[in-house]
Amino acid sequence: MTIEIGACHTDNYIIGPEHTAQSMGNKGVNVLGTPMLVQFSELASYKVLVPSLSPQQASVGIRVDIRHLKATPVGMQVWIKAVLCSIDRSRYVFEVSGRDEQDDILSGFHERFIIELEPFMARIGAT
């Protein structure tokens, strides 16, 4: 796999009702939910790796360590960025950050592990 430290990807989203804490069961909290920030962080990190993966490989998230810094209301745009900051064999660590139209909303790290699909799926009995 050929990928270098500093490789990055940025996604942007318009926050809708489906992204809110309320949609995840936190009644009355109609702002961007922390679980969505986790998902957005994983997706941005995943997209950094995808171009370098062989068809027999995939990546799986193994750790998330983020801080949700500020509430973002429905209708506001957010940008989520993942930057590859370290590689240790098959473990890839990303610094993740996010902004909405007004402030920083996310900081932290996400780790992904590169797997060989066939042996991985066979090992868990899901072939």
N, C-alpha and C. Protein backbone atom coordinates (compact mmCIF):
# COMPACT_ATOMS: atom_id res chain seq x y z
N MET A 1 0.84 -1.17 0.00
CA MET A 1 0.00 0.00 0.00
C MET A 1 0.89 1.24 0.00
N THR A 2 0.60 2.17 -0.87
CA THR A 2 1.40 3.39 -0.95
C THR A 2 0.56 4.60 -0.57
N ILE A 3 0.82 5.10 0.61
CA ILE A 3 0.17 6.29 1.11
C ILE A 3 1.15 6.98 2.04
N GLU A 4 1.14 8.29 2.06
CA GLU A 4 2.12 9.03 2.84
C GLU A 4 1.48 9.80 3.98
N ILE A 5 2.25 10.00 5.03
CA ILE A 5 1.84 10.87 6.12
C ILE A 5 1.46 12.22 5.51
N GLY A 6 0.38 12.79 6.00
CA GLY A 6 -0.09 14.08 5.49
C GLY A 6 -1.21 13.96 4.48
N ALA A 7 -1.44 12.73 3.97
CA ALA A 7 -2.58 12.54 3.06
C ALA A 7 -3.85 12.94 3.79
N CYS A 8 -4.77 13.60 3.09
CA CYS A 8 -5.97 14.09 3.78
C CYS A 8 -7.20 14.05 2.89
N HIS A 9 -8.32 14.17 3.52
CA HIS A 9 -9.62 14.24 2.84
C HIS A 9 -10.54 15.11 3.67
N THR A 10 -11.34 15.94 2.98
CA THR A 10 -12.34 16.77 3.64
C THR A 10 -13.69 16.51 3.01
N ASP A 11 -14.69 16.28 3.86
CA ASP A 11 -16.09 16.13 3.43
C ASP A 11 -16.87 17.32 3.97
N ASN A 12 -17.96 17.64 3.29
CA ASN A 12 -18.85 18.64 3.86
C ASN A 12 -20.29 18.13 3.83
N TYR A 13 -21.06 18.59 4.79
CA TYR A 13 -22.44 18.16 4.97
C TYR A 13 -23.29 19.37 5.34
N ILE A 14 -24.54 19.33 4.94
CA ILE A 14 -25.54 20.25 5.46
C ILE A 14 -26.29 19.45 6.53
N ILE A 15 -26.32 19.96 7.75
CA ILE A 15 -26.92 19.21 8.85
C ILE A 15 -28.44 19.20 8.70
N GLY A 16 -28.97 17.98 8.64
CA GLY A 16 -30.42 17.77 8.53
C GLY A 16 -30.96 17.12 9.79
N PRO A 17 -32.27 16.96 9.86
CA PRO A 17 -32.88 16.34 11.03
C PRO A 17 -32.34 14.94 11.32
N GLU A 18 -31.92 14.22 10.29
CA GLU A 18 -31.40 12.86 10.46
C GLU A 18 -30.04 12.83 11.14
N HIS A 19 -29.38 13.98 11.24
CA HIS A 19 -28.05 14.07 11.86
C HIS A 19 -28.09 14.50 13.32
N THR A 20 -29.27 14.74 13.84
CA THR A 20 -29.38 15.34 15.17
C THR A 20 -29.36 14.33 16.31
N ALA A 21 -29.02 14.84 17.47
CA ALA A 21 -29.09 14.03 18.69
C ALA A 21 -30.53 13.58 18.92
N GLN A 22 -31.48 14.43 18.58
CA GLN A 22 -32.89 14.06 18.75
C GLN A 22 -33.24 12.84 17.91
N SER A 23 -32.72 12.76 16.69
CA SER A 23 -33.02 11.60 15.83
C SER A 23 -32.43 10.31 16.38
N MET A 24 -31.50 10.44 17.33
CA MET A 24 -30.86 9.28 17.94
C MET A 24 -31.43 8.99 19.32
N GLY A 25 -32.56 9.66 19.65
CA GLY A 25 -33.25 9.36 20.89
C GLY A 25 -33.10 10.38 22.01
N ASN A 26 -32.31 11.42 21.78
CA ASN A 26 -32.11 12.43 22.81
C ASN A 26 -33.15 13.54 22.60
N LYS A 27 -34.34 13.29 23.10
CA LYS A 27 -35.51 14.13 22.85
C LYS A 27 -35.25 15.61 23.15
N GLY A 28 -35.60 16.45 22.17
CA GLY A 28 -35.51 17.89 22.33
C GLY A 28 -34.16 18.49 21.98
N VAL A 29 -33.15 17.65 21.72
CA VAL A 29 -31.81 18.16 21.40
C VAL A 29 -31.65 18.12 19.89
N ASN A 30 -32.12 19.17 19.24
CA ASN A 30 -32.19 19.22 17.78
C ASN A 30 -30.96 19.90 17.19
N VAL A 31 -29.79 19.35 17.52
CA VAL A 31 -28.50 19.82 16.99
C VAL A 31 -27.70 18.59 16.54
N LEU A 32 -26.64 18.84 15.80
CA LEU A 32 -25.77 17.75 15.34
C LEU A 32 -25.38 16.85 16.51
N GLY A 33 -25.63 15.55 16.36
CA GLY A 33 -25.33 14.59 17.41
C GLY A 33 -23.88 14.10 17.35
N THR A 34 -23.32 13.84 18.49
CA THR A 34 -21.94 13.35 18.56
C THR A 34 -21.75 12.04 17.78
N PRO A 35 -22.71 11.09 17.81
CA PRO A 35 -22.51 9.88 17.00
C PRO A 35 -22.33 10.18 15.51
N MET A 36 -22.96 11.25 15.02
CA MET A 36 -22.76 11.62 13.62
C MET A 36 -21.35 12.15 13.39
N LEU A 37 -20.80 12.87 14.37
CA LEU A 37 -19.42 13.33 14.24
C LEU A 37 -18.46 12.15 14.18
N VAL A 38 -18.75 11.11 14.96
CA VAL A 38 -17.94 9.89 14.89
C VAL A 38 -18.04 9.30 13.49
N GLN A 39 -19.26 9.18 12.97
CA GLN A 39 -19.44 8.62 11.62
C GLN A 39 -18.73 9.48 10.57
N PHE A 40 -18.90 10.80 10.64
CA PHE A 40 -18.25 11.68 9.68
C PHE A 40 -16.73 11.54 9.76
N SER A 41 -16.18 11.40 10.97
CA SER A 41 -14.73 11.25 11.15
C SER A 41 -14.25 9.94 10.53
N GLU A 42 -15.00 8.86 10.77
CA GLU A 42 -14.64 7.56 10.19
C GLU A 42 -14.68 7.62 8.67
N LEU A 43 -15.71 8.23 8.11
CA LEU A 43 -15.84 8.29 6.66
C LEU A 43 -14.72 9.10 6.01
N ALA A 44 -14.38 10.23 6.59
CA ALA A 44 -13.29 11.05 6.03
C ALA A 44 -11.97 10.29 6.08
N SER A 45 -11.72 9.60 7.18
CA SER A 45 -10.49 8.81 7.32
C SER A 45 -10.47 7.66 6.33
N TYR A 46 -11.58 6.96 6.22
CA TYR A 46 -11.73 5.86 5.26
C TYR A 46 -11.40 6.35 3.85
N LYS A 47 -11.91 7.52 3.49
CA LYS A 47 -11.72 8.03 2.13
C LYS A 47 -10.26 8.38 1.84
N VAL A 48 -9.47 8.65 2.87
CA VAL A 48 -8.04 8.86 2.66
C VAL A 48 -7.40 7.56 2.20
N LEU A 49 -7.82 6.43 2.78
CA LEU A 49 -7.20 5.14 2.50
C LEU A 49 -7.67 4.47 1.21
N VAL A 50 -8.93 4.67 0.84
CA VAL A 50 -9.54 3.92 -0.26
C VAL A 50 -8.71 3.89 -1.54
N PRO A 51 -8.15 5.01 -2.00
CA PRO A 51 -7.40 4.94 -3.27
C PRO A 51 -6.19 4.02 -3.23
N SER A 52 -5.68 3.73 -2.05
CA SER A 52 -4.47 2.90 -1.92
C SER A 52 -4.76 1.44 -1.62
N LEU A 53 -6.02 1.09 -1.37
CA LEU A 53 -6.37 -0.30 -1.04
C LEU A 53 -6.46 -1.16 -2.29
N SER A 54 -6.01 -2.38 -2.18
CA SER A 54 -6.21 -3.34 -3.27
C SER A 54 -7.65 -3.86 -3.19
N PRO A 55 -8.15 -4.49 -4.24
CA PRO A 55 -9.52 -5.04 -4.19
C PRO A 55 -9.71 -6.09 -3.10
N GLN A 56 -8.62 -6.69 -2.63
CA GLN A 56 -8.70 -7.71 -1.58
C GLN A 56 -8.61 -7.13 -0.18
N GLN A 57 -8.48 -5.82 -0.08
CA GLN A 57 -8.32 -5.18 1.22
C GLN A 57 -9.51 -4.29 1.58
N ALA A 58 -9.61 -4.00 2.85
CA ALA A 58 -10.57 -3.04 3.37
C ALA A 58 -9.94 -2.42 4.61
N SER A 59 -10.60 -1.40 5.16
CA SER A 59 -10.13 -0.85 6.43
C SER A 59 -11.27 -0.87 7.41
N VAL A 60 -10.92 -1.06 8.67
CA VAL A 60 -11.92 -1.07 9.75
C VAL A 60 -11.47 -0.10 10.83
N GLY A 61 -12.45 0.59 11.41
CA GLY A 61 -12.15 1.49 12.51
C GLY A 61 -11.86 0.69 13.76
N ILE A 62 -10.82 1.11 14.50
CA ILE A 62 -10.48 0.39 15.73
C ILE A 62 -10.44 1.30 16.96
N ARG A 63 -10.46 2.63 16.74
CA ARG A 63 -10.45 3.54 17.89
C ARG A 63 -10.93 4.91 17.44
N VAL A 64 -11.71 5.54 18.31
CA VAL A 64 -12.15 6.91 18.09
C VAL A 64 -11.94 7.67 19.39
N ASP A 65 -11.29 8.82 19.30
CA ASP A 65 -11.06 9.67 20.46
C ASP A 65 -11.29 11.11 20.01
N ILE A 66 -12.54 11.58 20.18
CA ILE A 66 -12.86 12.92 19.69
C ILE A 66 -13.48 13.77 20.79
N ARG A 67 -13.42 15.07 20.57
CA ARG A 67 -14.11 16.05 21.42
C ARG A 67 -15.11 16.79 20.54
N HIS A 68 -16.36 16.80 20.97
CA HIS A 68 -17.42 17.56 20.30
C HIS A 68 -17.42 18.93 20.97
N LEU A 69 -16.95 19.95 20.25
CA LEU A 69 -16.63 21.24 20.86
C LEU A 69 -17.79 22.23 20.93
N LYS A 70 -18.75 22.11 20.01
CA LYS A 70 -19.80 23.11 19.94
C LYS A 70 -21.02 22.53 19.24
N ALA A 71 -22.20 22.98 19.66
CA ALA A 71 -23.44 22.54 19.02
C ALA A 71 -23.61 23.20 17.65
N THR A 72 -24.09 22.41 16.69
CA THR A 72 -24.35 22.91 15.34
C THR A 72 -25.82 22.69 15.02
N PRO A 73 -26.55 23.76 14.66
CA PRO A 73 -27.99 23.62 14.39
C PRO A 73 -28.27 23.01 13.02
N VAL A 74 -29.48 22.51 12.88
CA VAL A 74 -29.97 22.00 11.59
C VAL A 74 -29.89 23.13 10.57
N GLY A 75 -29.48 22.77 9.36
CA GLY A 75 -29.39 23.73 8.27
C GLY A 75 -28.01 24.31 8.07
N MET A 76 -27.13 24.16 9.05
CA MET A 76 -25.78 24.71 8.94
C MET A 76 -24.87 23.73 8.22
N GLN A 77 -23.89 24.25 7.50
CA GLN A 77 -22.92 23.43 6.80
C GLN A 77 -21.73 23.15 7.71
N VAL A 78 -21.19 21.91 7.61
CA VAL A 78 -20.00 21.53 8.36
C VAL A 78 -18.97 20.92 7.41
N TRP A 79 -17.70 21.06 7.79
CA TRP A 79 -16.59 20.47 7.06
C TRP A 79 -15.83 19.57 8.03
N ILE A 80 -15.59 18.33 7.63
CA ILE A 80 -14.87 17.37 8.45
C ILE A 80 -13.60 16.96 7.70
N LYS A 81 -12.46 17.08 8.36
CA LYS A 81 -11.18 16.79 7.72
C LYS A 81 -10.45 15.69 8.48
N ALA A 82 -9.86 14.76 7.73
CA ALA A 82 -9.01 13.71 8.29
C ALA A 82 -7.63 13.82 7.64
N VAL A 83 -6.60 13.84 8.48
CA VAL A 83 -5.21 13.91 8.01
C VAL A 83 -4.45 12.72 8.58
N LEU A 84 -3.84 11.94 7.71
CA LEU A 84 -3.04 10.79 8.17
C LEU A 84 -1.81 11.31 8.90
N CYS A 85 -1.67 10.93 10.19
CA CYS A 85 -0.54 11.45 10.97
C CYS A 85 0.45 10.38 11.40
N SER A 86 0.08 9.09 11.33
CA SER A 86 1.09 8.06 11.60
C SER A 86 0.65 6.72 11.01
N ILE A 87 1.67 5.91 10.73
CA ILE A 87 1.47 4.56 10.19
C ILE A 87 2.34 3.62 10.99
N ASP A 88 1.74 2.53 11.48
CA ASP A 88 2.48 1.49 12.18
C ASP A 88 2.02 0.16 11.60
N ARG A 89 2.76 -0.34 10.65
CA ARG A 89 2.40 -1.55 9.90
C ARG A 89 1.03 -1.38 9.26
N SER A 90 0.00 -2.04 9.77
CA SER A 90 -1.35 -1.95 9.18
C SER A 90 -2.27 -1.00 9.95
N ARG A 91 -1.71 -0.28 10.92
CA ARG A 91 -2.51 0.66 11.72
C ARG A 91 -2.24 2.08 11.25
N TYR A 92 -3.31 2.79 10.93
CA TYR A 92 -3.24 4.15 10.40
C TYR A 92 -3.97 5.09 11.35
N VAL A 93 -3.28 6.14 11.78
CA VAL A 93 -3.86 7.08 12.73
C VAL A 93 -4.10 8.41 12.02
N PHE A 94 -5.30 8.95 12.23
CA PHE A 94 -5.72 10.19 11.60
C PHE A 94 -6.02 11.24 12.66
N GLU A 95 -5.62 12.47 12.40
CA GLU A 95 -6.11 13.59 13.18
C GLU A 95 -7.37 14.07 12.47
N VAL A 96 -8.46 14.18 13.22
CA VAL A 96 -9.71 14.62 12.64
C VAL A 96 -10.10 15.97 13.24
N SER A 97 -10.68 16.80 12.41
CA SER A 97 -11.12 18.12 12.86
C SER A 97 -12.37 18.50 12.09
N GLY A 98 -13.11 19.42 12.64
CA GLY A 98 -14.32 19.86 11.97
C GLY A 98 -14.67 21.28 12.32
N ARG A 99 -15.36 21.93 11.40
CA ARG A 99 -15.84 23.30 11.56
C ARG A 99 -17.27 23.38 11.04
N ASP A 100 -18.03 24.27 11.63
CA ASP A 100 -19.29 24.65 10.99
C ASP A 100 -19.09 26.06 10.44
N GLU A 101 -20.15 26.72 10.09
CA GLU A 101 -20.04 28.04 9.47
C GLU A 101 -19.53 29.11 10.43
N GLN A 102 -19.46 28.77 11.73
CA GLN A 102 -19.07 29.77 12.72
C GLN A 102 -17.84 29.39 13.55
N ASP A 103 -17.70 28.12 13.89
CA ASP A 103 -16.68 27.73 14.87
C ASP A 103 -16.11 26.34 14.60
N ASP A 104 -15.02 26.03 15.30
CA ASP A 104 -14.52 24.66 15.35
C ASP A 104 -15.54 23.84 16.14
N ILE A 105 -15.83 22.63 15.65
CA ILE A 105 -16.82 21.78 16.31
C ILE A 105 -16.28 20.41 16.71
N LEU A 106 -15.10 20.04 16.19
CA LEU A 106 -14.58 18.69 16.39
C LEU A 106 -13.07 18.72 16.42
N SER A 107 -12.49 17.96 17.36
CA SER A 107 -11.04 17.71 17.33
C SER A 107 -10.82 16.31 17.89
N GLY A 108 -9.79 15.65 17.38
CA GLY A 108 -9.49 14.33 17.92
C GLY A 108 -8.70 13.46 16.97
N PHE A 109 -8.80 12.15 17.24
CA PHE A 109 -8.05 11.16 16.48
C PHE A 109 -8.94 9.96 16.17
N HIS A 110 -8.62 9.31 15.07
CA HIS A 110 -9.32 8.08 14.67
C HIS A 110 -8.27 7.12 14.13
N GLU A 111 -8.36 5.85 14.53
CA GLU A 111 -7.44 4.83 14.04
C GLU A 111 -8.19 3.81 13.19
N ARG A 112 -7.53 3.40 12.11
CA ARG A 112 -8.09 2.38 11.23
C ARG A 112 -7.02 1.31 11.01
N PHE A 113 -7.48 0.10 10.75
CA PHE A 113 -6.59 -1.03 10.52
C PHE A 113 -6.90 -1.58 9.14
N ILE A 114 -5.87 -1.86 8.35
CA ILE A 114 -6.05 -2.46 7.03
C ILE A 114 -6.16 -3.97 7.20
N ILE A 115 -7.18 -4.54 6.60
CA ILE A 115 -7.40 -5.99 6.68
C ILE A 115 -7.38 -6.60 5.28
N GLU A 116 -7.05 -7.87 5.24
CA GLU A 116 -7.23 -8.67 4.03
C GLU A 116 -8.62 -9.27 4.16
N LEU A 117 -9.51 -8.93 3.25
CA LEU A 117 -10.93 -9.25 3.39
C LEU A 117 -11.23 -10.74 3.56
N GLU A 118 -10.72 -11.56 2.66
CA GLU A 118 -11.09 -12.99 2.68
C GLU A 118 -10.71 -13.67 4.00
N PRO A 119 -9.45 -13.57 4.44
CA PRO A 119 -9.12 -14.23 5.72
C PRO A 119 -9.87 -13.61 6.91
N PHE A 120 -10.08 -12.30 6.88
CA PHE A 120 -10.80 -11.64 7.97
C PHE A 120 -12.23 -12.17 8.06
N MET A 121 -12.93 -12.21 6.94
CA MET A 121 -14.32 -12.66 6.94
C MET A 121 -14.40 -14.15 7.28
N ALA A 122 -13.43 -14.94 6.82
CA ALA A 122 -13.43 -16.37 7.15
C ALA A 122 -13.21 -16.58 8.65
N ARG A 123 -12.31 -15.78 9.24
CA ARG A 123 -12.00 -15.91 10.65
C ARG A 123 -13.22 -15.63 11.54
N ILE A 124 -14.10 -14.72 11.10
CA ILE A 124 -15.28 -14.41 11.91
C ILE A 124 -16.49 -15.21 11.47
N GLY A 125 -16.30 -16.11 10.49
CA GLY A 125 -17.38 -16.98 10.06
C GLY A 125 -18.43 -16.29 9.21
N ALA A 126 -18.02 -15.26 8.47
CA ALA A 126 -18.98 -14.50 7.68
C ALA A 126 -18.63 -14.50 6.20
N THR A 127 -18.19 -15.62 5.68
CA THR A 127 -17.81 -15.68 4.27
C THR A 127 -18.99 -15.87 3.37
